[in-house]
């Protein structure tokens, strides 16, 4: 009886941690930071030439699609985003606050490594759910060039997912300062 109770509690605890991200706003901001990094570091690309057919006179038929407006661009930006989040974990930083930080080397993590790995899985699965909820709208906004570097967090976390509340200008400045903590590398 006691063994089955321990087994049940263990299963429930692991399920709870797999679907639980306590501070969805900070997790969303960490995801937005990675997406913003991808947008900012995009390399210029040529238009996509979809003229693969020839007409009876030997002229190519089809469309030339601007890469910036293409679905391929969206796929390249979002594909692998959640896997990149496995490099993030929730750690206590200098201020004593828990923040999502990118881990460059897991051997340098001084806190409980198993717990840190669990947090990285949590944010990765949260990322998958977040993209599932917002993918269609986010895709359209990216294709319409409505999402610019510096604006990703507001669009993704406030406008689309509603995981962060809209703030005043002074609070946004404080949030920008907090976002700097996401770039701490171990």
N, C-alpha and C. Protein backbone atom coordinates (compact mmCIF):
# COMPACT_ATOMS: atom_id res chain seq x y z
N UNK A 1 0.83 -1.19 0.00
CA UNK A 1 0.00 0.00 0.00
C UNK A 1 0.88 1.26 0.00
N UNK A 2 1.86 1.31 0.90
CA UNK A 2 2.74 2.47 0.99
C UNK A 2 3.57 2.62 -0.28
N UNK A 3 4.01 1.50 -0.83
CA UNK A 3 4.81 1.54 -2.05
C UNK A 3 3.99 2.09 -3.22
N UNK A 4 2.72 1.67 -3.31
CA UNK A 4 1.88 2.16 -4.39
C UNK A 4 1.56 3.65 -4.22
N UNK A 5 1.44 4.10 -2.96
CA UNK A 5 1.20 5.51 -2.69
C UNK A 5 2.41 6.36 -3.09
N UNK A 6 3.61 5.87 -2.76
CA UNK A 6 4.84 6.56 -3.14
C UNK A 6 4.94 6.61 -4.66
N UNK A 7 4.63 5.52 -5.31
CA UNK A 7 4.68 5.45 -6.77
C UNK A 7 3.69 6.45 -7.37
N UNK A 8 2.48 6.54 -6.84
CA UNK A 8 1.47 7.46 -7.33
C UNK A 8 1.91 8.91 -7.14
N UNK A 9 2.46 9.24 -5.99
CA UNK A 9 2.93 10.60 -5.72
C UNK A 9 4.07 10.95 -6.68
N UNK A 10 4.97 10.02 -6.92
CA UNK A 10 6.08 10.26 -7.85
C UNK A 10 5.57 10.52 -9.25
N UNK A 11 4.62 9.73 -9.72
CA UNK A 11 4.04 9.92 -11.05
C UNK A 11 3.36 11.28 -11.14
N UNK A 12 2.55 11.62 -10.16
CA UNK A 12 1.84 12.90 -10.17
C UNK A 12 2.81 14.08 -10.11
N UNK A 13 3.86 13.95 -9.32
CA UNK A 13 4.84 15.04 -9.23
C UNK A 13 5.56 15.24 -10.55
N UNK A 14 5.91 14.15 -11.23
CA UNK A 14 6.59 14.29 -12.51
C UNK A 14 5.66 14.86 -13.57
N UNK A 15 4.40 14.46 -13.55
CA UNK A 15 3.44 15.03 -14.49
C UNK A 15 3.22 16.51 -14.22
N UNK A 16 3.13 16.87 -12.95
CA UNK A 16 2.93 18.27 -12.58
C UNK A 16 4.11 19.11 -13.05
N UNK A 17 5.32 18.64 -12.83
CA UNK A 17 6.48 19.43 -13.23
C UNK A 17 6.62 19.50 -14.74
N UNK A 18 6.13 18.50 -15.45
CA UNK A 18 6.23 18.50 -16.91
C UNK A 18 5.30 19.51 -17.54
N UNK A 19 4.18 19.82 -16.89
CA UNK A 19 3.24 20.76 -17.49
C UNK A 19 3.21 22.09 -16.75
N UNK A 20 4.06 22.27 -15.76
CA UNK A 20 3.98 23.45 -14.91
C UNK A 20 5.16 24.38 -15.16
N UNK A 21 4.85 25.57 -15.57
CA UNK A 21 5.80 26.66 -15.57
C UNK A 21 5.11 27.74 -14.76
N UNK A 22 5.63 27.98 -13.56
CA UNK A 22 4.95 28.90 -12.64
C UNK A 22 4.83 30.31 -13.20
N UNK A 23 5.91 30.87 -13.68
CA UNK A 23 5.89 32.23 -14.19
C UNK A 23 5.89 32.18 -15.71
N UNK A 24 4.69 32.10 -16.28
CA UNK A 24 4.57 31.98 -17.72
C UNK A 24 5.08 33.23 -18.43
N UNK A 25 4.96 34.37 -17.79
CA UNK A 25 5.42 35.61 -18.41
C UNK A 25 6.94 35.57 -18.60
N UNK A 26 7.69 35.20 -17.58
CA UNK A 26 9.15 35.18 -17.72
C UNK A 26 9.59 34.08 -18.68
N UNK A 27 8.90 32.95 -18.68
CA UNK A 27 9.23 31.88 -19.62
C UNK A 27 8.94 32.34 -21.05
N UNK A 28 7.80 33.00 -21.24
CA UNK A 28 7.45 33.52 -22.56
C UNK A 28 8.47 34.54 -23.03
N UNK A 29 8.92 35.40 -22.11
CA UNK A 29 9.94 36.40 -22.47
C UNK A 29 11.25 35.74 -22.85
N UNK A 30 11.61 34.64 -22.20
CA UNK A 30 12.83 33.92 -22.57
C UNK A 30 12.70 33.34 -23.97
N UNK A 31 11.53 32.79 -24.29
CA UNK A 31 11.29 32.24 -25.62
C UNK A 31 11.31 33.36 -26.65
N UNK A 32 10.68 34.48 -26.33
CA UNK A 32 10.67 35.63 -27.23
C UNK A 32 12.09 36.14 -27.46
N UNK A 33 12.93 36.08 -26.44
CA UNK A 33 14.31 36.52 -26.56
C UNK A 33 15.06 35.66 -27.58
N UNK A 34 14.84 34.36 -27.54
CA UNK A 34 15.50 33.46 -28.50
C UNK A 34 14.97 33.71 -29.92
N UNK A 35 13.65 33.88 -30.05
CA UNK A 35 13.06 34.18 -31.36
C UNK A 35 13.56 35.52 -31.89
N UNK A 36 13.66 36.50 -31.01
CA UNK A 36 14.17 37.81 -31.40
C UNK A 36 15.61 37.72 -31.88
N UNK A 37 16.39 36.91 -31.20
CA UNK A 37 17.78 36.69 -31.61
C UNK A 37 17.81 36.10 -33.02
N UNK A 38 16.91 35.17 -33.31
CA UNK A 38 16.83 34.60 -34.65
C UNK A 38 16.44 35.64 -35.69
N UNK A 39 15.49 36.50 -35.36
CA UNK A 39 15.08 37.57 -36.29
C UNK A 39 16.22 38.55 -36.54
N UNK A 40 16.91 38.93 -35.47
CA UNK A 40 17.98 39.91 -35.59
C UNK A 40 19.17 39.37 -36.37
N UNK A 41 19.38 38.07 -36.32
CA UNK A 41 20.54 37.47 -36.98
C UNK A 41 20.22 36.82 -38.31
N UNK A 42 19.05 37.11 -38.86
CA UNK A 42 18.71 36.57 -40.17
C UNK A 42 19.65 37.11 -41.22
N UNK A 43 20.07 36.24 -42.10
CA UNK A 43 20.90 36.67 -43.21
C UNK A 43 19.99 37.02 -44.39
N UNK A 44 20.34 38.04 -45.14
CA UNK A 44 19.52 38.38 -46.31
C UNK A 44 19.46 37.19 -47.27
N UNK A 45 18.28 36.96 -47.80
CA UNK A 45 18.09 35.85 -48.72
C UNK A 45 17.48 36.34 -50.02
N UNK A 46 17.75 35.64 -51.07
CA UNK A 46 17.15 35.95 -52.36
C UNK A 46 15.68 35.56 -52.36
N UNK A 47 14.98 36.07 -53.34
CA UNK A 47 13.58 35.67 -53.51
C UNK A 47 13.53 34.19 -53.86
N UNK A 48 12.41 33.56 -53.57
CA UNK A 48 12.22 32.15 -53.90
C UNK A 48 11.64 32.07 -55.30
N UNK A 49 12.37 31.42 -56.18
CA UNK A 49 11.95 31.29 -57.58
C UNK A 49 11.13 30.01 -57.72
N UNK A 50 9.83 30.18 -57.89
CA UNK A 50 8.93 29.04 -58.03
C UNK A 50 8.51 28.85 -59.49
N UNK A 51 9.32 29.36 -60.42
CA UNK A 51 9.01 29.24 -61.85
C UNK A 51 9.69 27.98 -62.40
N UNK A 52 9.05 26.86 -62.16
CA UNK A 52 9.66 25.60 -62.57
C UNK A 52 9.04 25.04 -63.84
N UNK A 53 7.96 25.61 -64.28
CA UNK A 53 7.30 25.08 -65.48
C UNK A 53 7.62 25.93 -66.70
N UNK A 54 7.69 25.30 -67.81
CA UNK A 54 7.88 26.00 -69.08
C UNK A 54 6.58 25.97 -69.87
N UNK A 55 6.28 27.10 -70.53
CA UNK A 55 5.10 27.10 -71.39
C UNK A 55 5.50 26.59 -72.77
N UNK A 56 4.59 26.61 -73.69
CA UNK A 56 4.85 26.06 -75.03
C UNK A 56 5.93 26.84 -75.78
N UNK A 57 6.21 28.06 -75.38
CA UNK A 57 7.23 28.87 -76.04
C UNK A 57 8.58 28.82 -75.31
N UNK A 58 8.66 28.04 -74.26
CA UNK A 58 9.92 27.88 -73.53
C UNK A 58 10.15 28.91 -72.44
N UNK A 59 9.12 29.69 -72.13
CA UNK A 59 9.23 30.68 -71.06
C UNK A 59 8.84 30.04 -69.73
N UNK A 60 9.55 30.45 -68.70
CA UNK A 60 9.27 29.90 -67.37
C UNK A 60 7.98 30.50 -66.82
N UNK A 61 7.15 29.64 -66.21
CA UNK A 61 5.89 30.08 -65.60
C UNK A 61 5.91 29.77 -64.10
N UNK A 62 5.30 30.64 -63.34
CA UNK A 62 5.22 30.47 -61.90
C UNK A 62 5.45 31.80 -61.21
N UNK A 63 5.66 31.74 -59.92
CA UNK A 63 5.81 32.97 -59.14
C UNK A 63 7.22 33.08 -58.58
N UNK A 64 7.62 34.31 -58.35
CA UNK A 64 8.81 34.60 -57.57
C UNK A 64 8.31 35.21 -56.26
N UNK A 65 8.64 34.57 -55.14
CA UNK A 65 8.12 34.98 -53.84
C UNK A 65 9.24 35.64 -53.04
N UNK A 66 8.93 36.80 -52.48
CA UNK A 66 9.87 37.49 -51.61
C UNK A 66 10.11 36.62 -50.38
N UNK A 67 11.38 36.31 -50.10
CA UNK A 67 11.70 35.43 -48.97
C UNK A 67 11.15 35.97 -47.66
N UNK A 68 11.21 37.29 -47.44
CA UNK A 68 10.76 37.89 -46.19
C UNK A 68 9.27 37.66 -45.95
N UNK A 69 8.51 37.39 -47.02
CA UNK A 69 7.07 37.18 -46.91
C UNK A 69 6.69 35.70 -47.05
N UNK A 70 7.70 34.85 -47.14
CA UNK A 70 7.43 33.44 -47.42
C UNK A 70 7.18 32.61 -46.16
N UNK A 71 6.50 31.51 -46.37
CA UNK A 71 6.26 30.56 -45.28
C UNK A 71 7.57 29.87 -44.89
N UNK A 72 8.49 29.72 -45.84
CA UNK A 72 9.78 29.11 -45.56
C UNK A 72 10.53 29.89 -44.48
N UNK A 73 10.48 31.20 -44.54
CA UNK A 73 11.13 32.03 -43.53
C UNK A 73 10.55 31.75 -42.14
N UNK A 74 9.24 31.67 -42.06
CA UNK A 74 8.58 31.40 -40.77
C UNK A 74 9.01 30.04 -40.25
N UNK A 75 9.02 29.04 -41.12
CA UNK A 75 9.41 27.69 -40.72
C UNK A 75 10.84 27.69 -40.21
N UNK A 76 11.73 28.38 -40.92
CA UNK A 76 13.13 28.41 -40.49
C UNK A 76 13.31 29.13 -39.16
N UNK A 77 12.49 30.16 -38.90
CA UNK A 77 12.58 30.88 -37.62
C UNK A 77 12.04 30.05 -36.45
N UNK A 78 10.92 29.38 -36.67
CA UNK A 78 10.25 28.66 -35.58
C UNK A 78 10.74 27.23 -35.40
N UNK A 79 11.24 26.64 -36.48
CA UNK A 79 11.70 25.25 -36.41
C UNK A 79 12.93 25.16 -35.50
N UNK A 80 12.85 24.33 -34.51
CA UNK A 80 13.97 24.14 -33.59
C UNK A 80 14.00 25.14 -32.44
N UNK A 81 13.04 26.08 -32.41
CA UNK A 81 13.01 27.07 -31.34
C UNK A 81 12.87 26.40 -29.98
N UNK A 82 11.96 25.46 -29.85
CA UNK A 82 11.73 24.81 -28.55
C UNK A 82 12.90 23.92 -28.16
N UNK A 83 13.60 23.35 -29.14
CA UNK A 83 14.79 22.56 -28.82
C UNK A 83 15.89 23.47 -28.26
N UNK A 84 15.97 24.71 -28.78
CA UNK A 84 16.95 25.66 -28.25
C UNK A 84 16.64 26.01 -26.80
N UNK A 85 15.38 25.93 -26.43
CA UNK A 85 14.99 26.27 -25.06
C UNK A 85 15.48 25.22 -24.07
N UNK A 86 15.90 24.06 -24.54
CA UNK A 86 16.46 23.05 -23.64
C UNK A 86 17.82 23.48 -23.09
N UNK A 87 18.38 24.57 -23.64
CA UNK A 87 19.63 25.13 -23.13
C UNK A 87 19.37 26.15 -22.02
N UNK A 88 18.10 26.37 -21.68
CA UNK A 88 17.73 27.33 -20.64
C UNK A 88 17.27 26.58 -19.40
N UNK A 89 17.51 27.20 -18.26
CA UNK A 89 17.02 26.66 -17.00
C UNK A 89 16.70 27.81 -16.07
N UNK A 90 16.01 27.49 -15.01
CA UNK A 90 15.61 28.48 -14.02
C UNK A 90 16.65 28.48 -12.91
N UNK A 91 17.37 29.60 -12.79
CA UNK A 91 18.42 29.69 -11.78
C UNK A 91 18.27 30.97 -10.98
N UNK A 92 18.77 30.94 -9.76
CA UNK A 92 18.79 32.13 -8.92
C UNK A 92 19.99 32.96 -9.36
N UNK A 93 19.73 34.21 -9.71
CA UNK A 93 20.80 35.10 -10.16
C UNK A 93 21.22 35.99 -8.99
N UNK A 94 22.17 36.90 -9.24
CA UNK A 94 22.75 37.75 -8.19
C UNK A 94 21.71 38.45 -7.32
N UNK A 95 20.60 38.87 -7.94
CA UNK A 95 19.57 39.59 -7.19
C UNK A 95 18.78 38.67 -6.27
N UNK A 96 19.01 37.37 -6.38
CA UNK A 96 18.26 36.41 -5.57
C UNK A 96 16.98 35.96 -6.24
N UNK A 97 16.66 36.57 -7.39
CA UNK A 97 15.46 36.22 -8.13
C UNK A 97 15.72 35.01 -9.02
N UNK A 98 14.67 34.22 -9.24
CA UNK A 98 14.77 33.12 -10.19
C UNK A 98 14.53 33.67 -11.59
N UNK A 99 15.44 33.38 -12.52
CA UNK A 99 15.31 33.83 -13.89
C UNK A 99 15.70 32.71 -14.83
N UNK A 100 15.11 32.76 -16.03
CA UNK A 100 15.49 31.81 -17.06
C UNK A 100 16.80 32.28 -17.67
N UNK A 101 17.80 31.44 -17.63
CA UNK A 101 19.11 31.79 -18.16
C UNK A 101 19.58 30.70 -19.11
N UNK A 102 20.38 31.12 -20.08
CA UNK A 102 20.95 30.16 -21.03
C UNK A 102 22.18 29.52 -20.40
N UNK A 103 22.23 28.21 -20.49
CA UNK A 103 23.35 27.45 -19.94
C UNK A 103 24.26 27.06 -21.10
N UNK A 104 25.48 27.58 -21.07
CA UNK A 104 26.44 27.25 -22.12
C UNK A 104 27.09 25.89 -21.87
N UNK A 105 27.31 25.57 -20.60
CA UNK A 105 27.96 24.31 -20.24
C UNK A 105 27.27 23.76 -19.00
N UNK A 106 26.60 22.64 -19.15
CA UNK A 106 25.84 22.06 -18.03
C UNK A 106 26.76 21.61 -16.90
N UNK A 107 28.04 21.39 -17.19
CA UNK A 107 28.97 21.00 -16.13
C UNK A 107 29.24 22.15 -15.17
N UNK A 108 29.00 23.40 -15.62
CA UNK A 108 29.25 24.57 -14.77
C UNK A 108 28.06 24.94 -13.90
N UNK A 109 26.96 24.23 -14.03
CA UNK A 109 25.78 24.52 -13.20
C UNK A 109 26.09 24.10 -11.78
N UNK A 110 25.98 25.06 -10.85
CA UNK A 110 26.35 24.78 -9.46
C UNK A 110 25.17 24.29 -8.64
N UNK A 111 23.94 24.56 -9.10
CA UNK A 111 22.77 24.08 -8.35
C UNK A 111 22.50 22.62 -8.71
N UNK A 112 21.42 22.10 -8.22
CA UNK A 112 21.03 20.72 -8.48
C UNK A 112 20.86 20.51 -9.99
N UNK A 113 21.76 19.74 -10.59
CA UNK A 113 21.75 19.56 -12.05
C UNK A 113 20.50 18.84 -12.53
N UNK A 114 20.03 17.90 -11.75
CA UNK A 114 18.82 17.16 -12.14
C UNK A 114 17.62 18.11 -12.17
N UNK A 115 17.53 18.96 -11.18
CA UNK A 115 16.45 19.94 -11.13
C UNK A 115 16.59 20.95 -12.28
N UNK A 116 17.82 21.38 -12.55
CA UNK A 116 18.07 22.33 -13.64
C UNK A 116 17.66 21.71 -14.98
N UNK A 117 17.97 20.43 -15.17
CA UNK A 117 17.57 19.73 -16.41
C UNK A 117 16.05 19.62 -16.50
N UNK A 118 15.40 19.39 -15.36
CA UNK A 118 13.94 19.30 -15.34
C UNK A 118 13.33 20.65 -15.75
N UNK A 119 13.91 21.74 -15.26
CA UNK A 119 13.43 23.07 -15.66
C UNK A 119 13.60 23.29 -17.16
N UNK A 120 14.71 22.80 -17.71
CA UNK A 120 14.93 22.98 -19.15
C UNK A 120 13.89 22.20 -19.95
N UNK A 121 13.51 21.05 -19.48
CA UNK A 121 12.44 20.27 -20.15
C UNK A 121 11.10 20.99 -20.00
N UNK A 122 10.87 21.61 -18.81
CA UNK A 122 9.63 22.35 -18.58
C UNK A 122 9.48 23.49 -19.57
N UNK A 123 10.53 24.29 -19.72
CA UNK A 123 10.41 25.44 -20.61
C UNK A 123 10.32 25.00 -22.07
N UNK A 124 10.96 23.89 -22.40
CA UNK A 124 10.87 23.38 -23.76
C UNK A 124 9.44 22.91 -24.08
N UNK A 125 8.81 22.20 -23.14
CA UNK A 125 7.44 21.75 -23.38
C UNK A 125 6.47 22.94 -23.32
N UNK A 126 6.74 23.92 -22.47
CA UNK A 126 5.93 25.13 -22.44
C UNK A 126 6.04 25.86 -23.78
N UNK A 127 7.23 25.91 -24.32
CA UNK A 127 7.44 26.53 -25.63
C UNK A 127 6.59 25.85 -26.70
N UNK A 128 6.55 24.53 -26.68
CA UNK A 128 5.72 23.79 -27.64
C UNK A 128 4.26 24.15 -27.51
N UNK A 129 3.77 24.23 -26.27
CA UNK A 129 2.36 24.61 -26.06
C UNK A 129 2.11 26.05 -26.49
N UNK A 130 3.05 26.93 -26.18
CA UNK A 130 2.90 28.34 -26.55
C UNK A 130 2.84 28.50 -28.06
N UNK A 131 3.73 27.82 -28.77
CA UNK A 131 3.72 27.91 -30.23
C UNK A 131 2.46 27.27 -30.81
N UNK A 132 2.02 26.20 -30.20
CA UNK A 132 0.78 25.54 -30.66
C UNK A 132 -0.40 26.52 -30.56
N UNK A 133 -0.46 27.27 -29.46
CA UNK A 133 -1.55 28.22 -29.24
C UNK A 133 -1.48 29.43 -30.17
N UNK A 134 -0.27 29.88 -30.49
CA UNK A 134 -0.11 31.16 -31.18
C UNK A 134 0.45 31.06 -32.59
N UNK A 135 0.70 29.84 -33.05
CA UNK A 135 1.45 29.66 -34.29
C UNK A 135 0.82 30.35 -35.50
N UNK A 136 -0.48 30.19 -35.69
CA UNK A 136 -1.11 30.76 -36.88
C UNK A 136 -1.02 32.28 -36.89
N UNK A 137 -1.35 32.90 -35.75
CA UNK A 137 -1.28 34.36 -35.69
C UNK A 137 0.16 34.85 -35.80
N UNK A 138 1.09 34.16 -35.11
CA UNK A 138 2.49 34.55 -35.15
C UNK A 138 3.04 34.42 -36.57
N UNK A 139 2.66 33.35 -37.25
CA UNK A 139 3.11 33.15 -38.63
C UNK A 139 2.65 34.30 -39.52
N UNK A 140 1.40 34.69 -39.40
CA UNK A 140 0.88 35.80 -40.21
C UNK A 140 1.60 37.10 -39.89
N UNK A 141 1.84 37.36 -38.61
CA UNK A 141 2.51 38.59 -38.22
C UNK A 141 3.95 38.62 -38.73
N UNK A 142 4.63 37.48 -38.70
CA UNK A 142 6.00 37.43 -39.22
C UNK A 142 5.99 37.63 -40.74
N UNK A 143 5.07 36.96 -41.43
CA UNK A 143 4.99 37.10 -42.89
C UNK A 143 4.62 38.51 -43.30
N UNK A 144 3.81 39.20 -42.51
CA UNK A 144 3.42 40.57 -42.82
C UNK A 144 4.44 41.58 -42.33
N UNK A 145 5.54 41.08 -41.79
CA UNK A 145 6.62 41.90 -41.24
C UNK A 145 6.13 42.82 -40.12
N UNK A 146 5.15 42.35 -39.35
CA UNK A 146 4.64 43.11 -38.21
C UNK A 146 5.44 42.83 -36.95
N UNK A 147 6.26 41.78 -36.97
CA UNK A 147 7.10 41.44 -35.82
C UNK A 147 8.53 41.85 -36.17
N UNK A 148 9.02 42.81 -35.45
CA UNK A 148 10.37 43.33 -35.68
C UNK A 148 11.24 43.01 -34.47
N UNK A 149 12.55 42.95 -34.67
CA UNK A 149 13.43 42.79 -33.50
C UNK A 149 13.16 43.92 -32.51
N UNK A 150 13.06 43.58 -31.25
CA UNK A 150 12.75 44.54 -30.20
C UNK A 150 11.27 44.54 -29.84
N UNK A 151 10.46 43.90 -30.67
CA UNK A 151 9.01 43.91 -30.49
C UNK A 151 8.45 42.50 -30.22
N UNK A 152 9.29 41.51 -30.28
CA UNK A 152 8.83 40.12 -30.21
C UNK A 152 8.16 39.80 -28.88
N UNK A 153 8.76 40.23 -27.79
CA UNK A 153 8.20 39.93 -26.48
C UNK A 153 6.81 40.51 -26.32
N UNK A 154 6.61 41.75 -26.74
CA UNK A 154 5.30 42.38 -26.64
C UNK A 154 4.28 41.64 -27.49
N UNK A 155 4.64 41.32 -28.72
CA UNK A 155 3.71 40.64 -29.63
C UNK A 155 3.37 39.25 -29.12
N UNK A 156 4.38 38.46 -28.78
CA UNK A 156 4.16 37.07 -28.38
C UNK A 156 3.56 36.95 -26.98
N UNK A 157 4.10 37.68 -26.03
CA UNK A 157 3.73 37.46 -24.63
C UNK A 157 2.56 38.32 -24.15
N UNK A 158 2.38 39.48 -24.75
CA UNK A 158 1.27 40.34 -24.34
C UNK A 158 0.09 40.21 -25.30
N UNK A 159 0.35 40.41 -26.58
CA UNK A 159 -0.74 40.48 -27.54
C UNK A 159 -1.33 39.10 -27.89
N UNK A 160 -0.47 38.13 -28.18
CA UNK A 160 -0.98 36.83 -28.64
C UNK A 160 -1.33 35.88 -27.49
N UNK A 161 -0.38 35.59 -26.63
CA UNK A 161 -0.62 34.58 -25.59
C UNK A 161 -1.29 35.17 -24.35
N UNK A 162 -1.13 36.46 -24.14
CA UNK A 162 -1.69 37.15 -22.97
C UNK A 162 -1.08 36.63 -21.65
N UNK A 163 0.13 36.06 -21.72
CA UNK A 163 0.79 35.57 -20.51
C UNK A 163 1.46 36.68 -19.73
N UNK A 164 1.63 37.84 -20.35
CA UNK A 164 2.17 39.01 -19.65
C UNK A 164 1.15 40.13 -19.77
N UNK A 165 1.01 40.86 -18.71
CA UNK A 165 0.07 41.99 -18.73
C UNK A 165 0.75 43.18 -19.36
N UNK A 166 -0.04 44.01 -20.02
CA UNK A 166 0.51 45.23 -20.58
C UNK A 166 0.90 46.14 -19.44
N UNK A 167 2.02 46.82 -19.63
CA UNK A 167 2.57 47.63 -18.56
C UNK A 167 2.71 49.08 -19.00
N UNK A 168 2.96 49.92 -18.03
CA UNK A 168 3.21 51.33 -18.34
C UNK A 168 4.62 51.47 -18.88
N UNK A 169 4.96 52.65 -19.33
CA UNK A 169 6.29 52.89 -19.90
C UNK A 169 7.38 52.67 -18.86
N UNK A 170 7.17 53.10 -17.62
CA UNK A 170 8.19 52.93 -16.59
C UNK A 170 8.37 51.45 -16.24
N UNK A 171 7.27 50.71 -16.23
CA UNK A 171 7.38 49.28 -15.93
C UNK A 171 8.05 48.55 -17.08
N UNK A 172 7.82 49.01 -18.32
CA UNK A 172 8.49 48.38 -19.47
C UNK A 172 9.99 48.57 -19.37
N UNK A 173 10.42 49.74 -18.92
CA UNK A 173 11.85 49.98 -18.75
C UNK A 173 12.42 49.00 -17.73
N UNK A 174 11.67 48.75 -16.65
CA UNK A 174 12.11 47.78 -15.64
C UNK A 174 12.14 46.38 -16.23
N UNK A 175 11.14 46.06 -17.08
CA UNK A 175 11.11 44.75 -17.72
C UNK A 175 12.30 44.59 -18.66
N UNK A 176 12.65 45.67 -19.38
CA UNK A 176 13.81 45.60 -20.27
C UNK A 176 15.07 45.30 -19.46
N UNK A 177 15.16 45.89 -18.27
CA UNK A 177 16.30 45.62 -17.40
C UNK A 177 16.29 44.17 -16.95
N UNK A 178 15.10 43.64 -16.65
CA UNK A 178 14.98 42.24 -16.23
C UNK A 178 15.34 41.31 -17.37
N UNK A 179 14.96 41.67 -18.61
CA UNK A 179 15.27 40.82 -19.76
C UNK A 179 16.77 40.67 -19.94
N UNK A 180 17.55 41.68 -19.51
CA UNK A 180 19.00 41.57 -19.60
C UNK A 180 19.49 40.36 -18.82
N UNK A 181 18.79 39.99 -17.76
CA UNK A 181 19.17 38.84 -16.96
C UNK A 181 19.03 37.53 -17.71
N UNK A 182 18.24 37.52 -18.77
CA UNK A 182 18.08 36.30 -19.54
C UNK A 182 19.34 35.95 -20.32
N UNK A 183 20.22 36.91 -20.47
CA UNK A 183 21.40 36.70 -21.31
C UNK A 183 22.60 36.25 -20.49
N UNK A 184 22.38 36.00 -19.22
CA UNK A 184 23.46 35.50 -18.38
C UNK A 184 23.86 34.12 -18.88
N UNK A 185 25.11 33.93 -19.13
CA UNK A 185 25.56 32.63 -19.64
C UNK A 185 26.46 31.97 -18.62
N UNK A 186 26.27 30.69 -18.46
CA UNK A 186 27.09 29.92 -17.52
C UNK A 186 28.14 29.13 -18.25
